[in-house]
Amino acid sequence: MTRILLVSRDVPWGLELASRWAADGTVHAVLMAGAAAVARHGHPDAAVVSRALAAGVLVSVHDEAAGRRGLASADLVDGVKTIDLDETADLIGDTDGGVMWL
């Protein structure tokens, strides 16, 4: 089962939830809007992103949200992928375990 979590606020809570879900199957968390900043090296909550990745959560950042914050791939926590809106829509359309947006 694959679950999709779209996160636009309360990133620490959302990624901790995603980490618990990862024990039961694939979880893909997409950081949208202001949540994208959390994936930057040096952000106060970047450790939450690293812990989610270590728990098996696939963490991505919406490319436009990253771009609005001046973030390039090299600025992101290792393991975080940048995806566009089409890839996000594909994730949502292909899931068999539900979508949640925070």
PDB file of N, CA and C in Angstrom:
ATOM      1  N   MET A   1       0.838  -1.170   0.000  1.00  0.00           N
ATOM      2  CA  MET A   1       0.000   0.000   0.000  1.00  0.00           C
ATOM      3  C   MET A   1       0.892   1.245   0.000  1.00  0.00           C
ATOM      4  N   THR A   2       0.513   2.221  -0.801  1.00  0.00           N
ATOM      5  CA  THR A   2       1.248   3.475  -0.885  1.00  0.00           C
ATOM      6  C   THR A   2       0.365   4.616  -0.391  1.00  0.00           C
ATOM      7  N   ARG A   3       0.897   5.411   0.510  1.00  0.00           N
ATOM      8  CA  ARG A   3       0.187   6.582   1.011  1.00  0.00           C
ATOM      9  C   ARG A   3       0.943   7.831   0.575  1.00  0.00           C
ATOM     10  N   ILE A   4       0.196   8.865   0.268  1.00  0.00           N
ATOM     11  CA  ILE A   4       0.774  10.141  -0.127  1.00  0.00           C
ATOM     12  C   ILE A   4       0.404  11.170   0.926  1.00  0.00           C
ATOM     13  N   LEU A   5       1.385  11.923   1.384  1.00  0.00           N
ATOM     14  CA  LEU A   5       1.161  12.993   2.340  1.00  0.00           C
ATOM     15  C   LEU A   5       1.669  14.281   1.717  1.00  0.00           C
ATOM     16  N   LEU A   6       0.762  15.205   1.438  1.00  0.00           N
ATOM     17  CA  LEU A   6       1.118  16.522   0.928  1.00  0.00           C
ATOM     18  C   LEU A   6       1.195  17.450   2.138  1.00  0.00           C
ATOM     19  N   VAL A   7       2.357  18.062   2.329  1.00  0.00           N
ATOM     20  CA  VAL A   7       2.575  18.848   3.541  1.00  0.00           C
ATOM     21  C   VAL A   7       2.826  20.302   3.162  1.00  0.00           C
ATOM     22  N   SER A   8       1.982  21.188   3.676  1.00  0.00           N
ATOM     23  CA  SER A   8       2.209  22.611   3.448  1.00  0.00           C
ATOM     24  C   SER A   8       2.377  23.377   4.772  1.00  0.00           C
ATOM     25  N   ARG A   9       2.143  22.694   5.890  1.00  0.00           N
ATOM     26  CA  ARG A   9       2.357  23.303   7.204  1.00  0.00           C
ATOM     27  C   ARG A   9       2.571  22.186   8.227  1.00  0.00           C
ATOM     28  N   ASP A  10       3.024  22.555   9.400  1.00  0.00           N
ATOM     29  CA  ASP A  10       3.279  21.622  10.496  1.00  0.00           C
ATOM     30  C   ASP A  10       4.108  20.416  10.034  1.00  0.00           C
ATOM     31  N   VAL A  11       5.241  20.736   9.431  1.00  0.00           N
ATOM     32  CA  VAL A  11       6.107  19.706   8.848  1.00  0.00           C
ATOM     33  C   VAL A  11       6.584  18.681   9.874  1.00  0.00           C
ATOM     34  N   PRO A  12       7.063  19.080  11.047  1.00  0.00           N
ATOM     35  CA  PRO A  12       7.526  18.054  11.997  1.00  0.00           C
ATOM     36  C   PRO A  12       6.440  17.029  12.326  1.00  0.00           C
ATOM     37  N   TRP A  13       5.232  17.489  12.620  1.00  0.00           N
ATOM     38  CA  TRP A  13       4.148  16.558  12.931  1.00  0.00           C
ATOM     39  C   TRP A  13       3.845  15.672  11.730  1.00  0.00           C
ATOM     40  N   GLY A  14       3.760  16.255  10.542  1.00  0.00           N
ATOM     41  CA  GLY A  14       3.444  15.492   9.339  1.00  0.00           C
ATOM     42  C   GLY A  14       4.481  14.430   9.029  1.00  0.00           C
ATOM     43  N   LEU A  15       5.752  14.777   9.143  1.00  0.00           N
ATOM     44  CA  LEU A  15       6.790  13.794   8.828  1.00  0.00           C
ATOM     45  C   LEU A  15       6.918  12.724   9.908  1.00  0.00           C
ATOM     46  N   GLU A  16       6.606  13.068  11.147  1.00  0.00           N
ATOM     47  CA  GLU A  16       6.588  12.035  12.188  1.00  0.00           C
ATOM     48  C   GLU A  16       5.439  11.058  11.936  1.00  0.00           C
ATOM     49  N   LEU A  17       4.294  11.570  11.503  1.00  0.00           N
ATOM     50  CA  LEU A  17       3.172  10.708  11.130  1.00  0.00           C
ATOM     51  C   LEU A  17       3.563   9.809   9.955  1.00  0.00           C
ATOM     52  N   ALA A  18       4.174  10.400   8.944  1.00  0.00           N
ATOM     53  CA  ALA A  18       4.607   9.626   7.778  1.00  0.00           C
ATOM     54  C   ALA A  18       5.601   8.543   8.176  1.00  0.00           C
ATOM     55  N   SER A  19       6.476   8.843   9.115  1.00  0.00           N
ATOM     56  CA  SER A  19       7.454   7.848   9.579  1.00  0.00           C
ATOM     57  C   SER A  19       6.764   6.658  10.241  1.00  0.00           C
ATOM     58  N   ARG A  20       5.704   6.915  11.003  1.00  0.00           N
ATOM     59  CA  ARG A  20       4.954   5.813  11.610  1.00  0.00           C
ATOM     60  C   ARG A  20       4.237   4.994  10.532  1.00  0.00           C
ATOM     61  N   TRP A  21       3.672   5.672   9.541  1.00  0.00           N
ATOM     62  CA  TRP A  21       2.998   4.974   8.442  1.00  0.00           C
ATOM     63  C   TRP A  21       3.969   4.101   7.648  1.00  0.00           C
ATOM     64  N   ALA A  22       5.220   4.508   7.556  1.00  0.00           N
ATOM     65  CA  ALA A  22       6.197   3.796   6.730  1.00  0.00           C
ATOM     66  C   ALA A  22       6.404   2.358   7.191  1.00  0.00           C
ATOM     67  N   ALA A  23       6.086   2.064   8.438  1.00  0.00           N
ATOM     68  CA  ALA A  23       6.210   0.689   8.936  1.00  0.00           C
ATOM     69  C   ALA A  23       5.203  -0.242   8.255  1.00  0.00           C
ATOM     70  N   ASP A  24       4.127   0.328   7.700  1.00  0.00           N
ATOM     71  CA  ASP A  24       3.062  -0.474   7.074  1.00  0.00           C
ATOM     72  C   ASP A  24       3.080  -0.435   5.553  1.00  0.00           C
ATOM     73  N   GLY A  25       4.011   0.271   4.956  1.00  0.00           N
ATOM     74  CA  GLY A  25       4.048   0.353   3.493  1.00  0.00           C
ATOM     75  C   GLY A  25       4.758   1.604   3.023  1.00  0.00           C
ATOM     76  N   THR A  26       4.667   1.862   1.760  1.00  0.00           N
ATOM     77  CA  THR A  26       5.351   2.999   1.150  1.00  0.00           C
ATOM     78  C   THR A  26       4.624   4.293   1.477  1.00  0.00           C
ATOM     79  N   VAL A  27       5.393   5.282   1.880  1.00  0.00           N
ATOM     80  CA  VAL A  27       4.852   6.612   2.143  1.00  0.00           C
ATOM     81  C   VAL A  27       5.699   7.620   1.380  1.00  0.00           C
ATOM     82  N   HIS A  28       5.012   8.462   0.642  1.00  0.00           N
ATOM     83  CA  HIS A  28       5.686   9.524  -0.091  1.00  0.00           C
ATOM     84  C   HIS A  28       5.174  10.851   0.446  1.00  0.00           C
ATOM     85  N   ALA A  29       6.067  11.657   1.026  1.00  0.00           N
ATOM     86  CA  ALA A  29       5.716  12.973   1.544  1.00  0.00           C
ATOM     87  C   ALA A  29       6.234  14.026   0.574  1.00  0.00           C
ATOM     88  N   VAL A  30       5.342  14.917   0.159  1.00  0.00           N
ATOM     89  CA  VAL A  30       5.710  16.004  -0.749  1.00  0.00           C
ATOM     90  C   VAL A  30       5.577  17.308   0.032  1.00  0.00           C
ATOM     91  N   LEU A  31       6.690  18.023   0.161  1.00  0.00           N
ATOM     92  CA  LEU A  31       6.698  19.297   0.864  1.00  0.00           C
ATOM     93  C   LEU A  31       6.294  20.396  -0.114  1.00  0.00           C
ATOM     94  N   MET A  32       5.155  21.015   0.167  1.00  0.00           N
ATOM     95  CA  MET A  32       4.571  22.030  -0.692  1.00  0.00           C
ATOM     96  C   MET A  32       4.695  23.398  -0.025  1.00  0.00           C
ATOM     97  N   ALA A  33       4.595  24.451  -0.818  1.00  0.00           N
ATOM     98  CA  ALA A  33       4.547  25.831  -0.322  1.00  0.00           C
ATOM     99  C   ALA A  33       5.669  26.079   0.697  1.00  0.00           C
ATOM    100  N   GLY A  34       5.325  26.697   1.826  1.00  0.00           N
ATOM    101  CA  GLY A  34       6.331  27.051   2.829  1.00  0.00           C
ATOM    102  C   GLY A  34       7.024  25.874   3.469  1.00  0.00           C
ATOM    103  N   ALA A  35       6.416  24.695   3.391  1.00  0.00           N
ATOM    104  CA  ALA A  35       7.034  23.499   3.975  1.00  0.00           C
ATOM    105  C   ALA A  35       8.333  23.129   3.270  1.00  0.00           C
ATOM    106  N   ALA A  36       8.507  23.586   2.043  1.00  0.00           N
ATOM    107  CA  ALA A  36       9.724  23.262   1.288  1.00  0.00           C
ATOM    108  C   ALA A  36      10.981  23.743   1.995  1.00  0.00           C
ATOM    109  N   ALA A  37      10.887  24.836   2.704  1.00  0.00           N
ATOM    110  CA  ALA A  37      12.062  25.399   3.377  1.00  0.00           C
ATOM    111  C   ALA A  37      12.661  24.450   4.405  1.00  0.00           C
ATOM    112  N   VAL A  38      11.846  23.590   4.995  1.00  0.00           N
ATOM    113  CA  VAL A  38      12.321  22.671   6.029  1.00  0.00           C
ATOM    114  C   VAL A  38      13.349  21.689   5.474  1.00  0.00           C
ATOM    115  N   ALA A  39      13.319  21.414   4.182  1.00  0.00           N
ATOM    116  CA  ALA A  39      14.245  20.452   3.582  1.00  0.00           C
ATOM    117  C   ALA A  39      15.632  21.035   3.322  1.00  0.00           C
ATOM    118  N   ARG A  40      15.827  22.309   3.639  1.00  0.00           N
ATOM    119  CA  ARG A  40      17.126  22.965   3.421  1.00  0.00           C
ATOM    120  C   ARG A  40      18.105  22.582   4.521  1.00  0.00           C
ATOM    121  N   HIS A  41      19.345  22.240   4.091  1.00  0.00           N
ATOM    122  CA  HIS A  41      20.419  22.028   5.072  1.00  0.00           C
ATOM    123  C   HIS A  41      20.466  23.261   5.969  1.00  0.00           C
ATOM    124  N   GLY A  42      20.566  23.045   7.251  1.00  0.00           N
ATOM    125  CA  GLY A  42      20.686  24.157   8.180  1.00  0.00           C
ATOM    126  C   GLY A  42      19.366  24.678   8.728  1.00  0.00           C
ATOM    127  N   HIS A  43      18.247  24.253   8.177  1.00  0.00           N
ATOM    128  CA  HIS A  43      16.963  24.669   8.725  1.00  0.00           C
ATOM    129  C   HIS A  43      16.805  24.046  10.110  1.00  0.00           C
ATOM    130  N   PRO A  44      16.206  24.754  11.065  1.00  0.00           N
ATOM    131  CA  PRO A  44      16.056  24.196  12.422  1.00  0.00           C
ATOM    132  C   PRO A  44      15.318  22.853  12.470  1.00  0.00           C
ATOM    133  N   ASP A  45      14.427  22.580  11.509  1.00  0.00           N
ATOM    134  CA  ASP A  45      13.691  21.313  11.497  1.00  0.00           C
ATOM    135  C   ASP A  45      14.215  20.315  10.466  1.00  0.00           C
ATOM    136  N   ALA A  46      15.376  20.575   9.877  1.00  0.00           N
ATOM    137  CA  ALA A  46      15.924  19.666   8.858  1.00  0.00           C
ATOM    138  C   ALA A  46      16.164  18.262   9.410  1.00  0.00           C
ATOM    139  N   ALA A  47      16.435  18.152  10.703  1.00  0.00           N
ATOM    140  CA  ALA A  47      16.656  16.828  11.301  1.00  0.00           C
ATOM    141  C   ALA A  47      15.407  15.961  11.210  1.00  0.00           C
ATOM    142  N   VAL A  48      14.231  16.580  11.227  1.00  0.00           N
ATOM    143  CA  VAL A  48      12.984  15.830  11.096  1.00  0.00           C
ATOM    144  C   VAL A  48      12.919  15.192   9.704  1.00  0.00           C
ATOM    145  N   VAL A  49      13.383  15.916   8.705  1.00  0.00           N
ATOM    146  CA  VAL A  49      13.420  15.379   7.342  1.00  0.00           C
ATOM    147  C   VAL A  49      14.368  14.187   7.285  1.00  0.00           C
ATOM    148  N   SER A  50      15.536  14.326   7.880  1.00  0.00           N
ATOM    149  CA  SER A  50      16.512  13.224   7.894  1.00  0.00           C
ATOM    150  C   SER A  50      15.955  11.996   8.606  1.00  0.00           C
ATOM    151  N   ARG A  51      15.267  12.206   9.712  1.00  0.00           N
ATOM    152  CA  ARG A  51      14.677  11.071  10.440  1.00  0.00           C
ATOM    153  C   ARG A  51      13.593  10.387   9.604  1.00  0.00           C
ATOM    154  N   ALA A  52      12.793  11.164   8.906  1.00  0.00           N
ATOM    155  CA  ALA A  52      11.752  10.574   8.055  1.00  0.00           C
ATOM    156  C   ALA A  52      12.384   9.745   6.942  1.00  0.00           C
ATOM    157  N   LEU A  53      13.420  10.269   6.326  1.00  0.00           N
ATOM    158  CA  LEU A  53      14.121   9.509   5.284  1.00  0.00           C
ATOM    159  C   LEU A  53      14.684   8.205   5.854  1.00  0.00           C
ATOM    160  N   ALA A  54      15.271   8.286   7.036  1.00  0.00           N
ATOM    161  CA  ALA A  54      15.838   7.092   7.668  1.00  0.00           C
ATOM    162  C   ALA A  54      14.760   6.061   7.999  1.00  0.00           C
ATOM    163  N   ALA A  55      13.529   6.541   8.249  1.00  0.00           N
ATOM    164  CA  ALA A  55      12.412   5.635   8.546  1.00  0.00           C
ATOM    165  C   ALA A  55      11.815   5.020   7.286  1.00  0.00           C
ATOM    166  N   GLY A  56      12.299   5.452   6.133  1.00  0.00           N
ATOM    167  CA  GLY A  56      11.816   4.890   4.877  1.00  0.00           C
ATOM    168  C   GLY A  56      10.827   5.752   4.118  1.00  0.00           C
ATOM    169  N   VAL A  57      10.570   6.954   4.609  1.00  0.00           N
ATOM    170  CA  VAL A  57       9.664   7.863   3.907  1.00  0.00           C
ATOM    171  C   VAL A  57      10.388   8.439   2.694  1.00  0.00           C
ATOM    172  N   LEU A  58       9.720   8.437   1.559  1.00  0.00           N
ATOM    173  CA  LEU A  58      10.240   9.088   0.364  1.00  0.00           C
ATOM    174  C   LEU A  58       9.841  10.552   0.456  1.00  0.00           C
ATOM    175  N   VAL A  59      10.818  11.439   0.599  1.00  0.00           N
ATOM    176  CA  VAL A  59      10.531  12.858   0.789  1.00  0.00           C
ATOM    177  C   VAL A  59      10.904  13.624  -0.472  1.00  0.00           C
ATOM    178  N   SER A  60       9.947  14.399  -0.954  1.00  0.00           N
ATOM    179  CA  SER A  60      10.158  15.247  -2.127  1.00  0.00           C
ATOM    180  C   SER A  60       9.755  16.677  -1.801  1.00  0.00           C
ATOM    181  N   VAL A  61      10.275  17.589  -2.606  1.00  0.00           N
ATOM    182  CA  VAL A  61       9.937  19.001  -2.502  1.00  0.00           C
ATOM    183  C   VAL A  61       9.361  19.425  -3.845  1.00  0.00           C
ATOM    184  N   HIS A  62       8.242  20.137  -3.796  1.00  0.00           N
ATOM    185  CA  HIS A  62       7.657  20.667  -5.028  1.00  0.00           C
ATOM    186  C   HIS A  62       8.632  21.690  -5.606  1.00  0.00           C
ATOM    187  N   ASP A  63       8.970  21.529  -6.882  1.00  0.00           N
ATOM    188  CA  ASP A  63      10.016  22.353  -7.495  1.00  0.00           C
ATOM    189  C   ASP A  63       9.719  23.846  -7.459  1.00  0.00           C
ATOM    190  N   GLU A  64       8.474  24.245  -7.675  1.00  0.00           N
ATOM    191  CA  GLU A  64       8.143  25.673  -7.661  1.00  0.00           C
ATOM    192  C   GLU A  64       8.261  26.254  -6.248  1.00  0.00           C
ATOM    193  N   ALA A  65       7.876  25.469  -5.251  1.00  0.00           N
ATOM    194  CA  ALA A  65       8.005  25.930  -3.865  1.00  0.00           C
ATOM    195  C   ALA A  65       9.483  26.103  -3.508  1.00  0.00           C
ATOM    196  N   ALA A  66      10.306  25.171  -3.943  1.00  0.00           N
ATOM    197  CA  ALA A  66      11.751  25.279  -3.698  1.00  0.00           C
ATOM    198  C   ALA A  66      12.322  26.491  -4.426  1.00  0.00           C
ATOM    199  N   GLY A  67      11.915  26.673  -5.677  1.00  0.00           N
ATOM    200  CA  GLY A  67      12.416  27.790  -6.474  1.00  0.00           C
ATOM    201  C   GLY A  67      12.045  29.139  -5.873  1.00  0.00           C
ATOM    202  N   ARG A  68      10.830  29.262  -5.346  1.00  0.00           N
ATOM    203  CA  ARG A  68      10.414  30.527  -4.722  1.00  0.00           C
ATOM    204  C   ARG A  68      11.240  30.839  -3.480  1.00  0.00           C
ATOM    205  N   ARG A  69      11.847  29.834  -2.923  1.00  0.00           N
ATOM    206  CA  ARG A  69      12.678  30.030  -1.736  1.00  0.00           C
ATOM    207  C   ARG A  69      14.165  30.010  -2.072  1.00  0.00           C
ATOM    208  N   GLY A  70      14.484  29.983  -3.354  1.00  0.00           N
ATOM    209  CA  GLY A  70      15.876  30.017  -3.795  1.00  0.00           C
ATOM    210  C   GLY A  70      16.642  28.744  -3.494  1.00  0.00           C
ATOM    211  N   LEU A  71      15.941  27.620  -3.386  1.00  0.00           N
ATOM    212  CA  LEU A  71      16.585  26.353  -3.045  1.00  0.00           C
ATOM    213  C   LEU A  71      16.894  25.550  -4.299  1.00  0.00           C
ATOM    214  N   ALA A  72      18.138  25.165  -4.447  1.00  0.00           N
ATOM    215  CA  ALA A  72      18.561  24.252  -5.510  1.00  0.00           C
ATOM    216  C   ALA A  72      18.720  22.866  -4.896  1.00  0.00           C
ATOM    217  N   SER A  73      18.847  21.859  -5.738  1.00  0.00           N
ATOM    218  CA  SER A  73      19.000  20.483  -5.250  1.00  0.00           C
ATOM    219  C   SER A  73      20.151  20.344  -4.264  1.00  0.00           C
ATOM    220  N   ALA A  74      21.235  21.066  -4.500  1.00  0.00           N
ATOM    221  CA  ALA A  74      22.404  20.986  -3.620  1.00  0.00           C
ATOM    222  C   ALA A  74      22.129  21.549  -2.231  1.00  0.00           C
ATOM    223  N   ASP A  75      21.079  22.363  -2.090  1.00  0.00           N
ATOM    224  CA  ASP A  75      20.737  22.967  -0.804  1.00  0.00           C
ATOM    225  C   ASP A  75      19.899  22.045   0.080  1.00  0.00           C
ATOM    226  N   LEU A  76      19.409  20.959  -0.494  1.00  0.00           N
ATOM    227  CA  LEU A  76      18.457  20.097   0.205  1.00  0.00           C
ATOM    228  C   LEU A  76      19.144  18.992   0.998  1.00  0.00           C
ATOM    229  N   VAL A  77      18.479  18.548   2.039  1.00  0.00           N
ATOM    230  CA  VAL A  77      18.945  17.415   2.837  1.00  0.00           C
ATOM    231  C   VAL A  77      19.164  16.229   1.891  1.00  0.00           C
ATOM    232  N   ASP A  78      20.254  15.497   2.091  1.00  0.00           N
ATOM    233  CA  ASP A  78      20.563  14.343   1.239  1.00  0.00           C
ATOM    234  C   ASP A  78      19.399  13.362   1.232  1.00  0.00           C
ATOM    235  N   GLY A  79      18.981  12.971   0.035  1.00  0.00           N
ATOM    236  CA  GLY A  79      17.892  12.018  -0.115  1.00  0.00           C
ATOM    237  C   GLY A  79      16.576  12.656  -0.506  1.00  0.00           C
ATOM    238  N   VAL A  80      16.468  13.979  -0.388  1.00  0.00           N
ATOM    239  CA  VAL A  80      15.248  14.684  -0.783  1.00  0.00           C
ATOM    240  C   VAL A  80      15.300  14.934  -2.280  1.00  0.00           C
ATOM    241  N   LYS A  81      14.207  14.621  -2.947  1.00  0.00           N
ATOM    242  CA  LYS A  81      14.100  14.753  -4.398  1.00  0.00           C
ATOM    243  C   LYS A  81      13.199  15.947  -4.719  1.00  0.00           C
ATOM    244  N   THR A  82      13.484  16.633  -5.810  1.00  0.00           N
ATOM    245  CA  THR A  82      12.627  17.710  -6.289  1.00  0.00           C
ATOM    246  C   THR A  82      11.712  17.147  -7.370  1.00  0.00           C
ATOM    247  N   ILE A  83      10.398  17.426  -7.246  1.00  0.00           N
ATOM    248  CA  ILE A  83       9.455  16.946  -8.257  1.00  0.00           C
ATOM    249  C   ILE A  83       8.553  18.093  -8.701  1.00  0.00           C
ATOM    250  N   ASP A  84       8.045  17.977  -9.926  1.00  0.00           N
ATOM    251  CA  ASP A  84       7.160  19.011 -10.443  1.00  0.00           C
ATOM    252  C   ASP A  84       5.701  18.651 -10.184  1.00  0.00           C
ATOM    253  N   LEU A  85       4.808  19.522 -10.612  1.00  0.00           N
ATOM    254  CA  LEU A  85       3.389  19.322 -10.342  1.00  0.00           C
ATOM    255  C   LEU A  85       2.848  18.088 -11.057  1.00  0.00           C
ATOM    256  N   ASP A  86       3.337  17.795 -12.264  1.00  0.00           N
ATOM    257  CA  ASP A  86       2.884  16.594 -12.967  1.00  0.00           C
ATOM    258  C   ASP A  86       3.251  15.327 -12.206  1.00  0.00           C
ATOM    259  N   GLU A  87       4.470  15.282 -11.678  1.00  0.00           N
ATOM    260  CA  GLU A  87       4.890  14.115 -10.892  1.00  0.00           C
ATOM    261  C   GLU A  87       4.058  13.993  -9.616  1.00  0.00           C
ATOM    262  N   THR A  88       3.721  15.127  -9.005  1.00  0.00           N
ATOM    263  CA  THR A  88       2.878  15.114  -7.813  1.00  0.00           C
ATOM    264  C   THR A  88       1.499  14.563  -8.159  1.00  0.00           C
ATOM    265  N   ALA A  89       0.941  15.025  -9.269  1.00  0.00           N
ATOM    266  CA  ALA A  89      -0.377  14.535  -9.701  1.00  0.00           C
ATOM    267  C   ALA A  89      -0.337  13.039  -9.997  1.00  0.00           C
ATOM    268  N   ASP A  90       0.758  12.573 -10.610  1.00  0.00           N
ATOM    269  CA  ASP A  90       0.899  11.139 -10.878  1.00  0.00           C
ATOM    270  C   ASP A  90       0.921  10.339  -9.577  1.00  0.00           C
ATOM    271  N   LEU A  91       1.637  10.835  -8.568  1.00  0.00           N
ATOM    272  CA  LEU A  91       1.669  10.153  -7.267  1.00  0.00           C
ATOM    273  C   LEU A  91       0.260  10.030  -6.699  1.00  0.00           C
ATOM    274  N   ILE A  92      -0.480  11.129  -6.753  1.00  0.00           N
ATOM    275  CA  ILE A  92      -1.837  11.136  -6.209  1.00  0.00           C
ATOM    276  C   ILE A  92      -2.730  10.169  -6.980  1.00  0.00           C
ATOM    277  N   GLY A  93      -2.613  10.176  -8.293  1.00  0.00           N
ATOM    278  CA  GLY A  93      -3.459   9.315  -9.114  1.00  0.00           C
ATOM    279  C   GLY A  93      -3.125   7.846  -9.017  1.00  0.00           C
ATOM    280  N   ASP A  94      -1.879   7.531  -8.702  1.00  0.00           N
ATOM    281  CA  ASP A  94      -1.444   6.138  -8.680  1.00  0.00           C
ATOM    282  C   ASP A  94      -1.510   5.484  -7.303  1.00  0.00           C
ATOM    283  N   THR A  95      -1.844   6.231  -6.272  1.00  0.00           N
ATOM    284  CA  THR A  95      -1.819   5.667  -4.925  1.00  0.00           C
ATOM    285  C   THR A  95      -2.980   4.687  -4.699  1.00  0.00           C
ATOM    286  N   ASP A  96      -2.708   3.713  -3.857  1.00  0.00           N
ATOM    287  CA  ASP A  96      -3.754   2.765  -3.477  1.00  0.00           C
ATOM    288  C   ASP A  96      -4.046   2.826  -1.982  1.00  0.00           C
ATOM    289  N   GLY A  97      -3.414   3.796  -1.306  1.00  0.00           N
ATOM    290  CA  GLY A  97      -3.575   3.856   0.137  1.00  0.00           C
ATOM    291  C   GLY A  97      -4.082   5.179   0.663  1.00  0.00           C
ATOM    292  N   GLY A  98      -4.402   6.092  -0.201  1.00  0.00           N
ATOM    293  CA  GLY A  98      -4.980   7.351   0.234  1.00  0.00           C
ATOM    294  C   GLY A  98      -4.012   8.521   0.202  1.00  0.00           C
ATOM    295  N   VAL A  99      -4.623   9.692   0.224  1.00  0.00           N
ATOM    296  CA  VAL A  99      -3.880  10.957   0.172  1.00  0.00           C
ATOM    297  C   VAL A  99      -4.350  11.827   1.320  1.00  0.00           C
ATOM    298  N   MET A 100      -3.403  12.452   1.997  1.00  0.00           N
ATOM    299  CA  MET A 100      -3.730  13.387   3.070  1.00  0.00           C
ATOM    300  C   MET A 100      -2.965  14.676   2.818  1.00  0.00           C
ATOM    301  N   TRP A 101      -3.630  15.804   2.999  1.00  0.00           N
ATOM    302  CA  TRP A 101      -2.969  17.099   2.811  1.00  0.00           C
ATOM    303  C   TRP A 101      -3.037  17.868   4.110  1.00  0.00           C
ATOM    304  N   LEU A 102      -1.855  18.252   4.597  1.00  0.00           N
ATOM    305  CA  LEU A 102      -1.763  19.078   5.811  1.00  0.00           C
ATOM    306  C   LEU A 102      -1.462  20.499   5.412  1.00  0.00           C
TER     307      LEU A 102
END
